Protein backbone atom coordinates (compact mmCIF):
# COMPACT_ATOMS: atom_id res chain seq x y z
CA MET A 1 -35.54 9.31 12.15
CA ALA A 2 -36.54 12.36 14.23
CA ASP A 3 -34.76 15.66 13.86
CA SER A 4 -32.71 14.85 16.96
CA LEU A 5 -31.90 11.68 18.83
CA THR A 6 -30.04 10.80 21.99
CA LEU A 7 -27.84 7.74 21.59
CA ALA A 8 -26.60 5.63 24.46
CA VAL A 9 -22.82 5.26 24.33
CA SER A 10 -20.82 2.42 25.88
CA ASN A 11 -17.33 1.00 25.62
CA ARG A 12 -16.93 -1.86 23.17
CA ALA A 13 -14.12 -3.59 25.09
CA LYS A 14 -12.63 -3.27 28.57
CA SER A 15 -9.06 -3.61 27.34
CA SER A 16 -9.30 -0.44 25.25
CA SER A 17 -12.03 1.45 27.03
CA ILE A 18 -12.40 5.22 27.11
CA LYS A 19 -12.29 6.22 30.78
CA ARG A 20 -14.33 9.43 30.64
CA LEU A 21 -16.72 8.27 27.92
CA PRO A 22 -20.03 10.17 28.20
CA PRO A 23 -23.12 7.94 28.63
CA THR A 24 -25.01 9.62 25.79
CA VAL A 25 -24.49 11.77 22.72
CA ASP A 26 -27.04 13.99 20.96
CA VAL A 27 -27.17 13.68 17.17
CA THR A 28 -29.36 14.31 14.15
CA ALA A 29 -29.93 12.28 11.01
CA THR A 30 -27.23 14.23 9.21
CA THR A 31 -24.61 14.05 11.97
CA THR A 32 -21.57 12.24 10.59
CA ILE A 33 -19.46 9.58 12.26
CA GLU A 34 -16.59 12.05 12.32
CA GLU A 35 -18.72 14.60 14.16
CA VAL A 36 -19.69 11.96 16.73
CA GLN A 37 -15.99 11.20 17.22
CA GLN A 38 -15.31 14.88 17.78
CA GLN A 39 -18.11 15.21 20.33
CA LEU A 40 -17.01 12.16 22.28
CA ALA A 41 -13.36 13.20 22.22
CA LYS A 42 -14.20 16.64 23.57
CA LYS A 43 -16.29 15.22 26.41
CA ALA A 44 -13.76 12.50 27.20
CA GLY A 45 -10.81 14.90 27.18
CA ILE A 46 -9.02 13.18 24.26
CA ASN A 47 -6.99 15.54 22.07
CA ASP A 48 -7.04 13.44 18.87
CA TYR A 49 -10.59 12.47 17.98
CA ASN A 50 -9.25 9.96 15.44
CA ARG A 51 -8.38 7.71 18.39
CA ILE A 52 -12.07 7.06 18.98
CA GLY A 53 -13.54 4.27 16.90
CA ILE A 54 -17.32 4.15 16.41
CA PHE A 55 -18.83 0.65 16.19
CA ASP A 56 -22.18 -0.78 15.13
CA PRO A 57 -24.04 -1.90 18.31
CA VAL A 58 -25.34 -5.09 16.65
CA THR A 59 -22.52 -6.34 14.45
CA ARG A 60 -19.88 -4.73 16.71
CA LYS A 61 -17.91 -3.85 13.58
CA ILE A 62 -16.25 -0.48 13.15
CA ILE A 63 -17.99 2.09 10.95
CA ARG A 64 -15.06 3.14 8.77
CA ASP A 65 -16.67 5.83 6.63
CA ARG A 66 -16.08 8.99 8.66
CA ARG A 67 -18.49 10.96 6.46
CA ALA A 68 -21.33 8.44 6.83
CA ALA A 69 -24.49 9.93 8.35
CA ILE A 70 -25.93 8.51 11.55
CA GLY A 71 -29.32 8.36 9.84
CA ALA A 72 -27.93 5.80 7.40
CA GLN A 73 -26.83 3.43 10.19
CA GLU A 74 -29.91 1.25 10.65
CA ASN A 75 -28.67 -0.64 13.69
CA VAL A 76 -27.60 2.55 15.43
CA VAL A 77 -30.96 4.24 14.79
CA SER A 78 -33.11 1.23 15.73
CA SER A 79 -31.24 0.48 18.95
CA LYS A 80 -30.57 4.14 19.77
CA ALA A 81 -27.05 3.18 20.78
CA LEU A 82 -23.50 2.91 19.56
CA LEU A 83 -20.23 1.48 20.79
CA ALA A 84 -16.92 3.30 21.13
CA GLN A 85 -13.34 2.16 21.57
CA ASP A 86 -9.97 3.80 22.05
CA LEU A 87 -7.96 2.82 18.96
CA GLY A 88 -4.70 4.05 20.46
CA PRO A 89 -2.23 6.61 19.07
CA GLN A 90 -2.88 7.43 15.41
CA ILE A 91 -0.82 8.43 12.39
CA GLY A 92 -1.99 9.88 9.08
CA TRP A 93 -2.46 7.53 6.14
CA ARG A 94 -0.52 9.84 3.85
CA THR A 95 2.36 9.98 6.33
CA VAL A 96 2.52 6.19 6.56
CA PHE A 97 2.76 5.77 2.78
CA LEU A 98 5.42 8.46 2.50
CA ILE A 99 7.51 6.64 5.11
CA GLU A 100 6.95 3.22 3.49
CA TYR A 101 8.16 4.24 0.05
CA ALA A 102 11.12 6.22 1.35
CA GLY A 103 12.84 3.01 2.47
CA PRO A 104 13.57 1.51 -0.98
CA ILE A 105 14.64 4.92 -2.30
CA LEU A 106 17.19 5.38 0.49
CA PHE A 107 18.50 1.79 0.44
CA HIS A 108 19.00 1.70 -3.32
CA LEU A 109 20.61 5.12 -3.27
CA ALA A 110 23.06 4.06 -0.58
CA PHE A 111 23.87 0.61 -1.97
CA PHE A 112 24.25 1.86 -5.54
CA TYR A 113 26.82 4.50 -4.65
CA LEU A 114 28.48 2.70 -1.74
CA GLN A 115 28.51 -0.80 -3.28
CA PRO A 116 32.33 -1.30 -3.13
CA GLU A 117 32.08 -0.98 0.67
CA ILE A 118 29.15 -3.33 1.22
CA PRO A 119 30.27 -6.30 3.35
CA LEU A 120 29.04 -9.83 2.80
CA PRO A 121 29.07 -12.75 5.25
CA ALA A 122 32.01 -15.11 4.72
CA PHE A 123 29.79 -18.06 3.82
CA LEU A 124 28.45 -16.11 0.84
CA THR A 125 31.83 -15.13 -0.56
CA LEU A 126 33.17 -18.70 -0.95
CA GLY A 127 36.61 -17.30 -0.21
CA GLN A 128 36.46 -14.95 -3.17
CA THR A 129 36.41 -11.16 -3.31
CA ALA A 130 35.45 -8.69 -5.95
CA SER A 131 37.81 -5.96 -6.98
CA ARG A 132 36.97 -2.62 -5.38
CA SER A 133 37.73 -1.03 -8.71
CA ASP A 134 35.09 -3.04 -10.59
CA PRO A 135 32.74 -0.51 -12.21
CA ILE A 136 29.00 -0.63 -11.79
CA THR A 137 27.46 -2.43 -14.76
CA ASP A 138 25.00 -0.85 -17.15
CA VAL A 139 22.38 -3.47 -16.18
CA GLN A 140 22.71 -2.46 -12.54
CA ARG A 141 22.37 1.16 -13.56
CA VAL A 142 19.14 0.48 -15.50
CA VAL A 143 17.64 -1.53 -12.65
CA TYR A 144 18.60 1.19 -10.18
CA ILE A 145 16.78 3.77 -12.31
CA MET A 146 13.72 1.48 -12.50
CA PHE A 147 13.53 1.12 -8.72
CA GLN A 148 13.98 4.82 -8.10
CA LEU A 149 11.44 5.87 -10.72
CA HIS A 150 8.86 3.45 -9.33
CA PHE A 151 9.11 4.57 -5.72
CA ILE A 152 9.54 8.28 -6.47
CA LYS A 153 6.34 7.98 -8.53
CA ARG A 154 4.65 6.44 -5.52
CA GLU A 155 5.85 9.23 -3.24
CA LEU A 156 4.54 11.89 -5.62
CA GLU A 157 1.18 10.13 -6.01
CA THR A 158 0.87 9.87 -2.23
CA ALA A 159 1.71 13.53 -1.69
CA PHE A 160 -0.32 15.07 -4.49
CA LEU A 161 -2.82 12.59 -5.97
CA HIS A 162 -4.30 10.01 -3.63
CA ARG A 163 -7.38 10.81 -1.57
CA PHE A 164 -7.95 8.78 1.59
CA ALA A 165 -11.32 7.83 3.05
CA ALA A 166 -9.86 7.57 6.55
CA ASN A 167 -7.82 10.25 8.27
CA THR A 168 -5.52 8.00 10.26
CA MET A 169 -4.51 4.46 11.18
CA PRO A 170 -2.98 3.03 14.39
CA ALA A 171 0.55 4.45 14.74
CA TRP A 172 2.02 0.97 15.24
CA ASN A 173 1.04 0.09 11.67
CA VAL A 174 3.84 2.24 10.31
CA PHE A 175 6.36 -0.36 11.50
CA ARG A 176 4.40 -3.33 10.16
CA ASN A 177 3.66 -1.70 6.81
CA SER A 178 7.15 -0.29 6.35
CA ALA A 179 8.89 -3.58 7.10
CA PHE A 180 7.81 -5.05 3.76
CA TYR A 181 9.19 -2.18 1.70
CA TRP A 182 12.22 -1.31 3.81
CA LEU A 183 13.41 -4.90 4.25
CA LEU A 184 12.43 -6.64 0.99
CA ALA A 185 12.30 -3.91 -1.68
CA GLY A 186 14.96 -1.93 0.13
CA LEU A 187 17.61 -3.87 2.04
CA VAL A 188 17.33 -7.32 0.43
CA ASP A 189 16.87 -6.19 -3.18
CA ALA A 190 19.53 -3.48 -2.99
CA TRP A 191 22.03 -5.84 -1.40
CA SER A 192 21.33 -8.52 -3.98
CA LEU A 193 21.55 -6.12 -6.92
CA TYR A 194 24.56 -3.98 -6.00
CA ALA A 195 26.70 -5.94 -3.53
CA PRO A 196 30.33 -6.68 -4.56
CA LEU A 197 29.50 -10.34 -5.18
CA SER A 198 26.16 -9.88 -6.92
CA PRO A 199 25.83 -11.91 -10.16
CA PHE A 200 26.24 -8.72 -12.18
CA ARG A 201 29.70 -8.01 -10.76
CA ILE A 202 31.29 -11.44 -10.39
CA SER A 203 30.31 -13.01 -13.70
CA SER A 204 33.43 -11.68 -15.40
CA GLN A 205 35.76 -12.67 -12.54
CA PHE A 206 34.28 -15.99 -11.42
CA PRO A 207 32.47 -17.62 -14.36
CA ALA A 208 31.87 -20.79 -12.37
CA ALA A 209 30.02 -18.90 -9.66
CA SER A 210 27.64 -17.05 -11.97
CA PRO A 211 26.69 -17.32 -15.63
CA ALA A 212 28.09 -14.52 -17.71
CA ARG A 213 25.73 -11.59 -18.24
CA ALA A 214 26.42 -9.26 -21.12
CA GLY A 215 25.48 -5.62 -21.01
CA PHE A 216 21.97 -4.21 -21.27
CA GLY A 217 20.54 -4.67 -24.73
CA SER A 218 22.46 -7.86 -25.48
CA THR A 219 19.16 -9.78 -25.52
CA TRP A 220 15.61 -8.91 -26.59
CA LEU A 221 14.44 -9.67 -23.04
CA ASP A 222 16.07 -6.44 -21.88
CA TYR A 223 14.04 -4.35 -24.28
CA ILE A 224 10.82 -6.23 -23.53
CA GLY A 225 11.44 -5.75 -19.82
CA ALA A 226 12.06 -2.02 -20.22
CA ALA A 227 8.93 -1.64 -22.38
CA LEU A 228 6.76 -3.53 -19.88
CA PHE A 229 8.09 -1.38 -17.06
CA VAL A 230 7.32 1.91 -18.81
CA PHE A 231 3.86 0.75 -19.95
CA GLY A 232 3.02 -0.68 -16.52
CA GLU A 233 4.02 2.49 -14.69
CA LEU A 234 2.08 4.78 -17.02
CA ALA A 235 -1.01 2.56 -16.98
CA ASN A 236 -0.84 2.24 -13.20
CA PHE A 237 -0.72 6.04 -12.90
CA SER A 238 -3.73 6.41 -15.19
CA VAL A 239 -5.75 4.10 -12.93
CA HIS A 240 -4.63 5.93 -9.79
CA TYR A 241 -5.62 9.24 -11.40
CA HIS A 242 -9.06 7.85 -12.26
CA LEU A 243 -9.61 6.45 -8.76
CA ALA A 244 -8.53 9.69 -7.09
CA HIS A 245 -11.02 11.70 -9.13
CA LEU A 246 -13.92 9.33 -8.43
CA ARG A 247 -14.11 10.97 -5.01
CA SER A 248 -14.61 14.67 -4.36
CA PRO A 249 -11.87 16.48 -2.40
CA GLY A 250 -12.29 15.46 1.24
CA GLY A 251 -15.18 13.14 0.35
CA THR A 252 -15.65 9.44 1.07
CA GLU A 253 -18.39 8.60 -1.44
CA LYS A 254 -18.15 5.34 -3.35
CA LYS A 255 -18.51 4.99 -7.13
CA ILE A 256 -17.97 2.18 -9.61
CA PRO A 257 -14.47 2.49 -11.16
CA ASN A 258 -14.24 2.62 -14.93
CA ALA A 259 -10.50 3.03 -15.43
CA PHE A 260 -8.25 1.63 -18.13
CA GLY A 261 -8.29 -2.15 -17.57
CA SER A 262 -11.45 -2.19 -15.42
CA SER A 263 -13.21 -4.33 -18.01
CA LEU A 264 -10.67 -7.09 -17.36
CA VAL A 265 -10.20 -7.13 -13.60
CA THR A 266 -11.50 -5.48 -10.44
CA SER A 267 -8.21 -3.78 -9.61
CA PRO A 268 -6.32 -2.88 -12.80
CA ASN A 269 -3.87 -0.78 -10.78
CA TYR A 270 -2.54 -4.02 -9.26
CA MET A 271 -2.50 -5.71 -12.66
CA PHE A 272 -0.31 -2.94 -14.09
CA GLU A 273 1.81 -2.90 -10.93
CA VAL A 274 2.65 -6.58 -11.42
CA LEU A 275 3.28 -6.01 -15.14
CA SER A 276 5.75 -3.25 -14.29
CA TRP A 277 7.64 -5.53 -11.91
CA VAL A 278 7.71 -8.31 -14.50
CA GLY A 279 9.64 -5.80 -16.59
CA VAL A 280 12.12 -5.26 -13.75
CA ILE A 281 12.53 -9.03 -13.38
CA LEU A 282 13.25 -9.49 -17.09
CA VAL A 283 15.98 -6.86 -16.94
CA SER A 284 17.49 -7.78 -13.57
CA ARG A 285 16.90 -11.56 -13.55
CA ASP A 286 17.41 -11.34 -9.81
CA ILE A 287 15.74 -13.80 -7.43
CA ALA A 288 15.36 -11.17 -4.70
CA VAL A 289 13.18 -9.04 -6.98
CA VAL A 290 11.05 -12.12 -7.73
CA VAL A 291 10.60 -12.75 -3.99
CA PHE A 292 9.60 -9.13 -3.36
CA ILE A 293 6.86 -8.98 -5.97
CA SER A 294 5.66 -12.51 -5.17
CA VAL A 295 5.05 -11.51 -1.55
CA GLY A 296 3.47 -8.28 -2.74
CA MET A 297 1.08 -10.23 -4.96
CA ILE A 298 -0.22 -12.11 -1.92
CA TYR A 299 -1.26 -8.80 -0.35
CA MET A 300 -2.65 -7.39 -3.60
CA ARG A 301 -4.69 -10.52 -4.24
CA SER A 302 -6.38 -10.12 -0.85
CA TRP A 303 -7.02 -6.40 -1.36
CA SER A 304 -8.43 -6.90 -4.85
CA ARG A 305 -10.82 -9.60 -3.63
CA ASP A 306 -11.95 -7.32 -0.81
CA LYS A 307 -12.58 -4.62 -3.40
CA GLU A 308 -14.69 -7.00 -5.52
CA ARG A 309 -16.79 -8.00 -2.50
CA ALA A 310 -17.29 -4.35 -1.53
CA LEU A 311 -18.41 -3.32 -5.02
CA ARG A 312 -20.87 -6.21 -5.20
CA ARG A 313 -22.29 -5.23 -1.81
CA LEU A 314 -22.51 -1.50 -2.51
CA PHE A 315 -23.84 -1.74 -6.08
CA PRO A 316 -25.74 -5.05 -6.33
CA ASP A 317 -27.77 -3.97 -9.37
CA LYS A 318 -25.31 -1.75 -11.23
CA TYR A 319 -21.92 -3.39 -10.78
CA LYS A 320 -20.87 -5.99 -13.35
CA LYS A 321 -19.28 -8.81 -11.38
CA LYS A 322 -15.71 -9.78 -12.25
CA LYS A 323 -14.36 -13.32 -12.22
CA TYR A 324 -10.76 -12.14 -11.95
CA THR A 325 -9.81 -9.40 -9.52
CA MET A 326 -6.15 -8.79 -10.35
CA ILE A 327 -4.67 -10.87 -13.20
CA PRO A 328 -6.88 -12.07 -16.10
CA GLY A 329 -7.10 -15.85 -16.18
CA LEU A 330 -5.20 -16.33 -12.92
CA ILE A 331 -6.34 -14.25 -9.95
């Protein structure tokens, strides 16, 4: 590629076109995608350059790596053109994750301390009521601590550890992404675990409605569950720490992960995440917790398979292909 090159610029789609998009942009081989975004935004009068998506002129797919050099984009160089699109209002990735994980923390905090006041629909009560003076059980207390530790850990990792390849995502995504955590891990799980008629609270009053559950430690499953939770959380953190330090501060370079558990699966962070939640399930034995992590596993399975495909594509000669991407022998 020559020292400088003028690229033709056109809108990718009419529905999300950039009205004052300049017809050309001057670049060099080392000009990054982010710098092209900044140039186009300045000329088009758009305050947030993250709104502008840069797309391959042949495949018409977005070029996600903001630090990728124009000289490395074969289709852009050969055709001397690129496509642009207004991605709409944006929000920071870090901000989105902080909002997502705040939901379960707030719901469990409120339901745990306000549980005598939590109303239930009449069809769920079967004409029975729990005494407002019934104390919180020690099992509920342990599960509450597990939930809070897990999501506070996530908040701290988001704020101080994780490094993101992209600056922002569409602002609307905050509602879609948060719904899973706020509704399932937050509202549904907290209601199921701490409500006046949860199995923990009514077993002593209404034996026919719920099998009796003794206190924490009355069965070896409680200790196994607690041990799995602690191990899973610590191992998950170790993987996140490794992944964060694969990339230089502010960088987007890709490397082959070699974290604890990487010899078994593509995404050991998901493997340890699931293991941690298995621990919560063993202690709580609550169906709502099972539903939450089961839905979460559907997402994680897709992400882990995407990660395997990306590693095979980026490092065809160096990467050792994995048969299982998330759970050895299963997924």
